[in-house]
Protein backbone atom coordinates (compact mmCIF):
# COMPACT_ATOMS: atom_id res chain seq x y z
CA UNK A 1 0.00 0.00 0.00
CA UNK A 2 2.81 2.36 0.90
CA UNK A 3 4.61 1.53 -2.32
CA UNK A 4 1.48 2.33 -4.31
CA UNK A 5 1.09 5.71 -2.63
CA UNK A 6 4.75 6.51 -3.35
CA UNK A 7 4.33 5.57 -7.02
CA UNK A 8 1.17 7.69 -7.25
CA UNK A 9 2.94 10.64 -5.68
CA UNK A 10 5.88 10.32 -8.08
CA UNK A 11 3.53 10.10 -11.08
CA UNK A 12 1.65 13.17 -9.87
CA UNK A 13 4.88 15.11 -9.59
CA UNK A 14 5.96 14.02 -13.09
CA UNK A 15 2.56 15.06 -14.45
CA UNK A 16 2.80 18.48 -12.82
CA UNK A 17 6.23 19.00 -14.34
CA UNK A 18 5.45 17.73 -17.86
CA UNK A 19 1.91 19.13 -18.27
CA UNK A 20 3.03 22.69 -19.07
CA UNK A 21 5.39 21.31 -21.73
CA UNK A 22 2.58 19.35 -23.37
CA UNK A 23 0.15 22.27 -23.33
CA UNK A 24 2.81 24.63 -24.66
CA UNK A 25 3.58 22.14 -27.43
CA UNK A 26 -0.13 22.01 -28.28
CA UNK A 27 -0.39 25.79 -28.41
CA UNK A 28 2.67 26.00 -30.66
CA UNK A 29 1.28 23.29 -32.93
CA UNK A 30 -2.02 25.17 -33.30
CA UNK A 31 -0.09 28.38 -33.98
CA UNK A 32 1.97 26.76 -36.74
CA UNK A 33 -1.13 25.07 -38.16
CA UNK A 34 -2.90 28.44 -38.34
CA UNK A 35 0.09 30.05 -40.06
CA UNK A 36 0.54 27.21 -42.53
CA UNK A 37 -3.15 27.11 -43.37
CA UNK A 38 -3.26 30.89 -43.83
CA UNK A 39 -0.18 30.88 -46.08
CA UNK A 40 -1.53 28.05 -48.20
CA UNK A 41 -4.99 29.54 -48.69
CA UNK A 42 -3.72 33.05 -49.34
CA UNK A 43 -1.16 32.02 -51.94
CA UNK A 44 -3.55 29.69 -53.74
CA UNK A 45 -6.08 32.51 -54.09
CA UNK A 46 -3.43 34.96 -55.31
CA UNK A 47 -2.31 32.42 -57.92
CA UNK A 48 -5.87 32.09 -59.18
CA UNK A 49 -6.46 35.85 -59.32
CA UNK A 50 -3.10 36.41 -61.02
CA UNK A 51 -3.93 33.96 -63.81
CA UNK A 52 -7.21 35.74 -64.49
CA UNK A 53 -5.72 39.24 -64.38
CA UNK A 54 -2.79 38.27 -66.59
CA UNK A 55 -5.23 37.68 -69.47
CA UNK A 56 -6.91 41.09 -69.16
CA UNK A 57 -7.68 42.52 -72.60
CA UNK A 58 -6.62 39.39 -74.46
CA UNK A 59 -8.31 39.31 -77.85
CA UNK A 60 -10.46 42.36 -77.11
CA UNK A 61 -7.87 45.07 -76.42
CA UNK A 62 -7.85 47.84 -73.86
CA UNK A 63 -10.94 49.55 -75.31
CA UNK A 64 -13.24 46.71 -76.40
CA UNK A 65 -16.03 47.46 -78.87
CA UNK A 66 -18.39 45.62 -81.13
CA UNK A 67 -17.86 46.09 -84.86
CA UNK A 68 -20.55 48.80 -84.87
CA UNK A 69 -18.64 50.73 -82.16
CA UNK A 70 -21.16 49.87 -79.43
CA UNK A 71 -19.97 48.70 -76.02
CA UNK A 72 -20.57 45.37 -74.34
CA UNK A 73 -22.51 45.09 -71.07
CA UNK A 74 -22.29 41.96 -68.94
CA UNK A 75 -24.01 41.46 -65.61
CA UNK A 76 -24.97 45.12 -65.41
CA UNK A 77 -21.39 46.31 -66.02
CA UNK A 78 -20.63 48.23 -69.21
CA UNK A 79 -17.08 47.62 -70.33
CA UNK A 80 -15.94 50.86 -71.91
CA UNK A 81 -12.49 49.46 -71.11
CA UNK A 82 -11.20 45.97 -70.43
CA UNK A 83 -10.48 47.11 -66.86
CA UNK A 84 -13.41 48.36 -64.79
CA UNK A 85 -12.16 49.32 -61.33
CA UNK A 86 -14.08 50.48 -58.28
CA UNK A 87 -11.97 52.29 -55.70
CA UNK A 88 -13.32 51.94 -52.18
CA UNK A 89 -11.46 55.05 -51.09
CA UNK A 90 -9.78 55.50 -47.73
CA UNK A 91 -12.27 53.39 -45.78
CA UNK A 92 -13.80 50.95 -48.28
CA UNK A 93 -12.87 47.85 -50.22
CA UNK A 94 -11.95 47.81 -53.90
CA UNK A 95 -13.45 45.63 -56.62
CA UNK A 96 -12.25 44.79 -60.11
CA UNK A 97 -13.94 43.55 -63.28
CA UNK A 98 -11.98 42.57 -66.37
CA UNK A 99 -12.88 41.60 -69.93
CA UNK A 100 -10.99 39.18 -72.17
CA UNK A 101 -11.42 36.58 -74.89
CA UNK A 102 -11.02 32.92 -74.03
CA UNK A 103 -10.57 29.83 -76.19
CA UNK A 104 -13.22 27.17 -75.89
CA UNK A 105 -12.22 23.89 -74.25
CA UNK A 106 -12.60 22.18 -77.62
CA UNK A 107 -11.16 24.43 -80.30
CA UNK A 108 -13.79 26.25 -82.34
CA UNK A 109 -12.94 27.75 -85.73
CA UNK A 110 -14.45 29.11 -88.93
CA UNK A 111 -15.06 26.32 -91.45
CA UNK A 112 -15.90 28.46 -94.52
CA UNK A 113 -14.22 31.78 -95.31
CA UNK A 114 -16.47 34.84 -94.97
CA UNK A 115 -16.09 38.36 -96.32
CA UNK A 116 -16.69 41.90 -95.13
CA UNK A 117 -20.39 42.48 -94.53
CA UNK A 118 -21.29 38.83 -93.97
CA UNK A 119 -23.35 38.02 -90.87
CA UNK A 120 -23.54 34.21 -91.03
CA UNK A 121 -20.43 32.28 -89.99
CA UNK A 122 -19.98 28.54 -90.52
CA UNK A 123 -18.32 26.69 -87.66
CA UNK A 124 -15.99 23.71 -87.51
CA UNK A 125 -18.19 21.77 -85.09
CA UNK A 126 -21.51 21.81 -83.28
CA UNK A 127 -21.72 23.98 -80.19
CA UNK A 128 -22.20 22.45 -76.76
CA UNK A 129 -24.33 23.87 -73.96
CA UNK A 130 -22.84 26.90 -72.24
CA UNK A 131 -20.38 27.84 -75.00
CA UNK A 132 -22.41 30.51 -76.83
CA UNK A 133 -25.88 31.69 -75.83
CA UNK A 134 -27.54 34.56 -77.73
CA UNK A 135 -29.91 35.14 -74.80
CA UNK A 136 -27.16 35.67 -72.18
CA UNK A 137 -24.94 38.76 -72.30
CA UNK A 138 -22.11 36.82 -70.65
CA UNK A 139 -22.14 34.18 -73.41
CA UNK A 140 -23.22 36.01 -76.55
CA UNK A 141 -20.00 37.83 -77.45
CA UNK A 142 -17.35 36.37 -79.76
CA UNK A 143 -14.15 37.57 -81.34
CA UNK A 144 -12.16 36.12 -84.22
CA UNK A 145 -8.46 35.40 -83.88
CA UNK A 146 -6.37 38.52 -84.64
CA UNK A 147 -9.46 40.68 -85.27
CA UNK A 148 -9.88 44.05 -83.59
CA UNK A 149 -13.65 43.98 -83.11
CA UNK A 150 -16.12 41.89 -81.12
CA UNK A 151 -19.41 40.54 -82.45
CA UNK A 152 -22.67 39.67 -80.72
CA UNK A 153 -24.28 36.38 -81.66
CA UNK A 154 -28.04 36.63 -82.25
CA UNK A 155 -28.79 33.07 -83.36
CA UNK A 156 -27.31 29.58 -83.50
CA UNK A 157 -28.12 27.53 -86.58
CA UNK A 158 -27.66 23.81 -87.12
CA UNK A 159 -27.10 21.50 -90.08
CA UNK A 160 -24.34 22.59 -90.56
CA UNK A 161 -23.36 24.51 -87.42
CA UNK A 162 -23.47 28.28 -87.93
CA UNK A 163 -23.90 31.48 -85.96
CA UNK A 164 -25.60 34.73 -86.96
CA UNK A 165 -23.92 37.99 -85.98
CA UNK A 166 -25.66 41.24 -85.03
CA UNK A 167 -22.84 43.23 -86.61
CA UNK A 168 -21.64 42.57 -90.19
CA UNK A 169 -18.02 41.48 -90.45
CA UNK A 170 -15.66 44.44 -90.47
CA UNK A 171 -12.81 42.26 -91.74
CA UNK A 172 -12.74 39.05 -93.77
CA UNK A 173 -12.20 35.79 -91.91
CA UNK A 174 -10.55 32.80 -93.51
CA UNK A 175 -11.34 29.15 -92.89
CA UNK A 176 -9.46 27.86 -89.87
CA UNK A 177 -9.60 31.18 -87.96
CA UNK A 178 -10.22 30.47 -84.28
CA UNK A 179 -13.46 31.70 -82.70
CA UNK A 180 -13.13 32.79 -79.06
CA UNK A 181 -15.75 33.66 -76.47
CA UNK A 182 -15.77 37.09 -74.86
CA UNK A 183 -15.82 36.65 -71.10
CA UNK A 184 -15.93 38.89 -68.03
CA UNK A 185 -14.88 38.13 -64.46
CA UNK A 186 -14.96 40.18 -61.27
CA UNK A 187 -13.44 40.10 -57.79
CA UNK A 188 -15.03 41.74 -54.77
CA UNK A 189 -15.27 41.50 -50.99
CA UNK A 190 -18.44 41.20 -48.95
CA UNK A 191 -19.22 39.76 -45.54
CA UNK A 192 -15.63 38.68 -45.06
CA UNK A 193 -15.66 36.62 -48.26
CA UNK A 194 -13.49 37.28 -51.32
CA UNK A 195 -15.85 36.51 -54.20
CA UNK A 196 -15.24 35.53 -57.82
CA UNK A 197 -17.99 36.06 -60.38
CA UNK A 198 -17.85 35.00 -64.03
CA UNK A 199 -21.46 36.16 -64.65
CA UNK A 200 -22.33 32.67 -65.89
CA UNK A 201 -22.27 30.46 -62.79
CA UNK A 202 -23.31 31.49 -59.27
CA UNK A 203 -20.72 33.74 -57.61
CA UNK A 204 -18.07 31.68 -55.82
CA UNK A 205 -16.27 32.36 -52.54
CA UNK A 206 -12.54 32.06 -53.18
CA UNK A 207 -11.48 32.79 -49.62
CA UNK A 208 -13.36 33.34 -46.39
CA UNK A 209 -12.03 35.25 -43.43
CA UNK A 210 -10.83 38.24 -45.47
CA UNK A 211 -10.61 41.66 -43.84
CA UNK A 212 -9.29 43.67 -46.79
CA UNK A 213 -9.16 43.68 -50.60
CA UNK A 214 -7.29 46.37 -52.53
CA UNK A 215 -6.16 46.80 -56.14
CA UNK A 216 -3.52 49.22 -57.40
CA UNK A 217 -2.31 49.95 -60.92
CA UNK A 218 1.01 50.52 -62.65
CA UNK A 219 0.94 52.43 -65.92
CA UNK A 220 3.26 52.40 -68.92
CA UNK A 221 5.35 55.23 -67.51
CA UNK A 222 6.30 53.27 -64.39
CA UNK A 223 6.68 55.15 -61.14
CA UNK A 224 4.34 54.81 -58.17
CA UNK A 225 1.28 52.59 -58.33
CA UNK A 226 -2.10 54.33 -58.41
CA UNK A 227 -5.24 53.39 -56.51
CA UNK A 228 -7.31 53.93 -59.66
CA UNK A 229 -6.27 53.18 -63.24
CA UNK A 230 -5.69 56.05 -65.62
CA UNK A 231 -6.28 55.43 -69.31
CA UNK A 232 -6.99 51.72 -69.65
CA UNK A 233 -4.59 51.32 -72.55
CA UNK A 234 -1.76 52.64 -70.35
CA UNK A 235 -2.16 50.06 -67.56
CA UNK A 236 0.67 47.53 -67.59
CA UNK A 237 0.34 45.98 -64.17
CA UNK A 238 -2.32 45.29 -61.53
CA UNK A 239 -1.45 44.57 -57.90
CA UNK A 240 -3.83 42.55 -55.76
CA UNK A 241 -3.54 42.98 -51.98
CA UNK A 242 -5.51 40.73 -49.63
CA UNK A 243 -5.58 40.93 -45.84
CA UNK A 244 -6.62 37.48 -44.62
CA UNK A 245 -7.08 36.13 -41.11
CA UNK A 246 -6.43 32.66 -39.75
CA UNK A 247 -9.46 30.39 -39.31
CA UNK A 248 -8.76 29.85 -35.59
CA UNK A 249 -7.67 32.06 -32.71
CA UNK A 250 -4.37 31.60 -30.89
CA UNK A 251 -4.75 31.27 -27.13
CA UNK A 252 -3.15 34.13 -25.32
CA UNK A 253 -2.59 36.13 -28.52
CA UNK A 254 -3.97 39.64 -29.01
CA UNK A 255 -3.60 41.12 -32.50
CA UNK A 256 -2.56 44.75 -32.05
CA UNK A 257 -0.89 45.18 -35.46
CA UNK A 258 -2.08 48.30 -37.35
CA UNK A 259 -1.75 46.95 -40.96
CA UNK A 260 -1.33 50.53 -42.12
CA UNK A 261 0.43 50.01 -45.46
CA UNK A 262 -2.02 48.09 -47.64
CA UNK A 263 -2.51 50.00 -50.92
CA UNK A 264 -4.60 53.11 -50.22
CA UNK A 265 -5.97 51.91 -46.89
CA UNK A 266 -4.27 52.89 -43.66
CA UNK A 267 -7.00 52.03 -41.19
CA UNK A 268 -6.93 48.22 -41.05
CA UNK A 269 -6.53 47.32 -37.41
CA UNK A 270 -5.59 47.08 -34.73
CA UNK A 271 -8.27 44.40 -34.45
CA UNK A 272 -7.52 43.50 -30.81
CA UNK A 273 -8.63 39.90 -31.18
CA UNK A 274 -7.03 36.47 -31.15
CA UNK A 275 -6.81 36.01 -34.94
CA UNK A 276 -3.47 36.20 -36.69
CA UNK A 277 -3.53 38.01 -40.04
CA UNK A 278 -1.28 38.21 -43.06
CA UNK A 279 -1.13 40.44 -46.12
CA UNK A 280 -0.77 38.74 -49.48
CA UNK A 281 0.24 40.96 -52.39
CA UNK A 282 1.21 40.33 -56.00
CA UNK A 283 1.84 42.56 -59.02
CA UNK A 284 0.84 40.99 -62.35
CA UNK A 285 1.77 42.22 -65.82
CA UNK A 286 -1.16 42.76 -68.19
CA UNK A 287 0.71 43.05 -71.47
CA UNK A 288 -2.33 42.09 -73.61
CA UNK A 289 -3.98 45.30 -72.48
CA UNK A 290 -1.55 47.33 -74.60
CA UNK A 291 -3.20 46.31 -77.87
């Protein structure tokens, strides 16, 4: 009995000594897990945004227009330029919409040459659902490879596959010329969620737990980045800045950082809570926008 009591006392002493080490190890593990998770999510989102922004103006130019000089409107946004920026000012969040042409998953091309003034274009294959839709502004625009103007599709014909254009061809197109879809995407922040919208599918949350979203612009002359783009054709780079917070709090941690150097915002924080935060920022060249 005495031996048992001695053993129990020794075990209790060992537990009292080692418990703080175990709890500290647990806290450190949670801290590193939070940091790793935050880094991974933030960088994956920046990679996605960068790929979209890099294609800004591709196939449509900096000042996109239909062949009759009218402008395209998608999802309530009129794209007088391939970059449509909303500056949230000193206390709000920015948003960005961009326009570009995109190849279809299965290459689509002109099968019979067409001349200036033609409005019916023969295609190399039948269209599948969701590729071109005359009734949807987000799916009705097309552009031909190396052409300067966009065209709006008003009808899809079958047997053989053809499309009817609202605007007569401003330039001839030869057989084999690729047909690309005109697409718009936007990025915005609401309710702590960084949202991606392609105006076709329901808006998608790219990253939750976001406290700040800012865009800044670098023009052809270089120098300092601007919070709003100047002439669209002069924009050569777009920087995305995201202030994201970890999904879990750190015990005993109080976030007093001011985060006072994120684009044009200087009033992020201090948040005085247990969430760690990190700024993710990347400048992307938009060389297609020069044409």
